[in-house]
Amino acid sequence: MLAEYLADYGYLVVAVGAFIEGETILLLAGYAAQQGALDVRLVLLLGFVGAFAGNVLIIPRNFAISPCRTSFCPNSLEISAARHRIAKCWLVRSMQATE
């Protein structure tokens, strides 16, 4: 489906896709550029501009509506510590499984 849009609309899909999502559309656009359907320089430029604009416009909006406006919110620290414990436990288990 994305490949069809890319073939039909080309560079517009690269810019909008990089703005909204990024990685998948840029992989497809890179493949299209390698095949000669798109110019690689324009794909790189539009991918950069679209991704940069998406980050500049979307990330501040997420912080504005976030209930915790700082990265040092107690909840985020607790979640981070829990993720660290889970990752450490998973690593220990996988090390024991290989022995």
Protein backbone atom coordinates (compact mmCIF):
# COMPACT_ATOMS: atom_id res chain seq x y z
CA MET A 1 0.00 0.00 0.00
CA LEU A 2 2.76 2.49 0.91
CA ALA A 3 4.71 1.42 -2.16
CA GLU A 4 1.71 2.20 -4.36
CA TYR A 5 1.36 5.69 -2.87
CA LEU A 6 5.08 6.21 -3.31
CA ALA A 7 4.90 5.19 -6.96
CA ASP A 8 1.88 7.43 -7.61
CA TYR A 9 2.79 10.56 -5.64
CA GLY A 10 6.57 10.24 -5.21
CA TYR A 11 8.23 13.06 -3.35
CA LEU A 12 5.04 14.28 -1.64
CA VAL A 13 4.69 10.89 0.03
CA VAL A 14 8.34 11.02 1.12
CA ALA A 15 7.89 14.41 2.82
CA VAL A 16 4.53 13.64 4.44
CA GLY A 17 5.56 10.11 5.38
CA ALA A 18 8.76 11.32 7.03
CA PHE A 19 6.73 13.94 8.90
CA ILE A 20 4.20 11.44 10.22
CA GLU A 21 6.05 8.15 10.59
CA GLY A 22 9.51 8.20 9.12
CA GLU A 23 11.42 4.94 8.95
CA THR A 24 9.18 2.76 6.82
CA ILE A 25 8.52 5.33 4.13
CA LEU A 26 12.18 6.29 3.98
CA LEU A 27 13.18 2.65 3.51
CA LEU A 28 10.74 2.37 0.60
CA ALA A 29 11.87 5.70 -0.84
CA GLY A 30 15.50 4.61 -0.57
CA TYR A 31 14.70 1.44 -2.46
CA ALA A 32 12.84 3.46 -5.11
CA ALA A 33 15.85 5.78 -5.39
CA GLN A 34 18.18 2.80 -5.76
CA GLN A 35 15.97 1.50 -8.58
CA GLY A 36 16.11 4.90 -10.28
CA ALA A 37 12.47 5.89 -9.74
CA LEU A 38 13.36 8.78 -7.39
CA ASP A 39 16.36 11.07 -7.05
CA VAL A 40 18.34 10.07 -3.97
CA ARG A 41 19.31 13.68 -3.16
CA LEU A 42 15.66 14.78 -3.07
CA VAL A 43 14.71 11.74 -1.02
CA LEU A 44 17.40 12.60 1.54
CA LEU A 45 16.46 16.28 1.62
CA LEU A 46 12.71 15.70 1.90
CA GLY A 47 13.21 12.92 4.43
CA PHE A 48 15.34 15.19 6.61
CA VAL A 49 12.99 18.17 6.30
CA GLY A 50 9.89 16.07 6.93
CA ALA A 51 11.33 14.26 9.94
CA PHE A 52 12.76 17.47 11.41
CA ALA A 53 9.46 19.33 10.97
CA GLY A 54 7.56 16.42 12.48
CA ASN A 55 9.80 16.38 15.53
CA VAL A 56 9.68 20.15 15.95
CA LEU A 57 5.90 20.31 15.67
CA ILE A 58 4.81 17.06 17.33
CA ILE A 59 7.17 16.64 20.30
CA PRO A 60 6.41 20.04 21.95
CA ARG A 61 2.70 19.31 21.58
CA ASN A 62 3.17 16.02 23.42
CA PHE A 63 4.96 17.79 26.26
CA ALA A 64 2.21 20.41 26.43
CA ILE A 65 -0.54 17.82 26.91
CA SER A 66 1.53 15.53 29.12
CA PRO A 67 0.38 15.30 32.75
CA CYS A 68 4.01 15.26 33.80
CA ARG A 69 5.81 18.14 32.10
CA THR A 70 9.33 17.24 33.15
CA SER A 71 11.40 14.18 32.44
CA PHE A 72 12.13 13.82 36.18
CA CYS A 73 8.58 13.02 37.14
CA PRO A 74 8.48 10.46 39.99
CA ASN A 75 6.29 8.18 37.90
CA SER A 76 8.74 8.17 35.01
CA LEU A 77 11.61 7.39 37.39
CA GLU A 78 9.66 4.48 38.86
CA ILE A 79 8.83 3.18 35.40
CA SER A 80 12.44 3.53 34.34
CA ALA A 81 13.64 1.59 37.39
CA ALA A 82 11.08 -1.14 36.74
CA ARG A 83 12.20 -1.45 33.13
CA HIS A 84 15.80 -1.69 34.27
CA ARG A 85 14.93 -4.51 36.70
CA ILE A 86 13.03 -6.39 33.98
CA ALA A 87 15.87 -6.01 31.47
CA LYS A 88 18.42 -7.17 34.05
CA CYS A 89 16.30 -10.20 34.95
CA TRP A 90 15.85 -11.07 31.27
CA LEU A 91 19.60 -10.75 30.68
CA VAL A 92 20.41 -13.04 33.63
CA ARG A 93 17.89 -15.63 32.45
CA SER A 94 19.21 -15.60 28.90
CA MET A 95 22.79 -15.97 30.15
CA GLN A 96 21.76 -18.97 32.28
CA ALA A 97 19.92 -20.56 29.35
CA THR A 98 23.04 -20.50 27.19
CA GLU A 99 25.23 -22.21 29.78
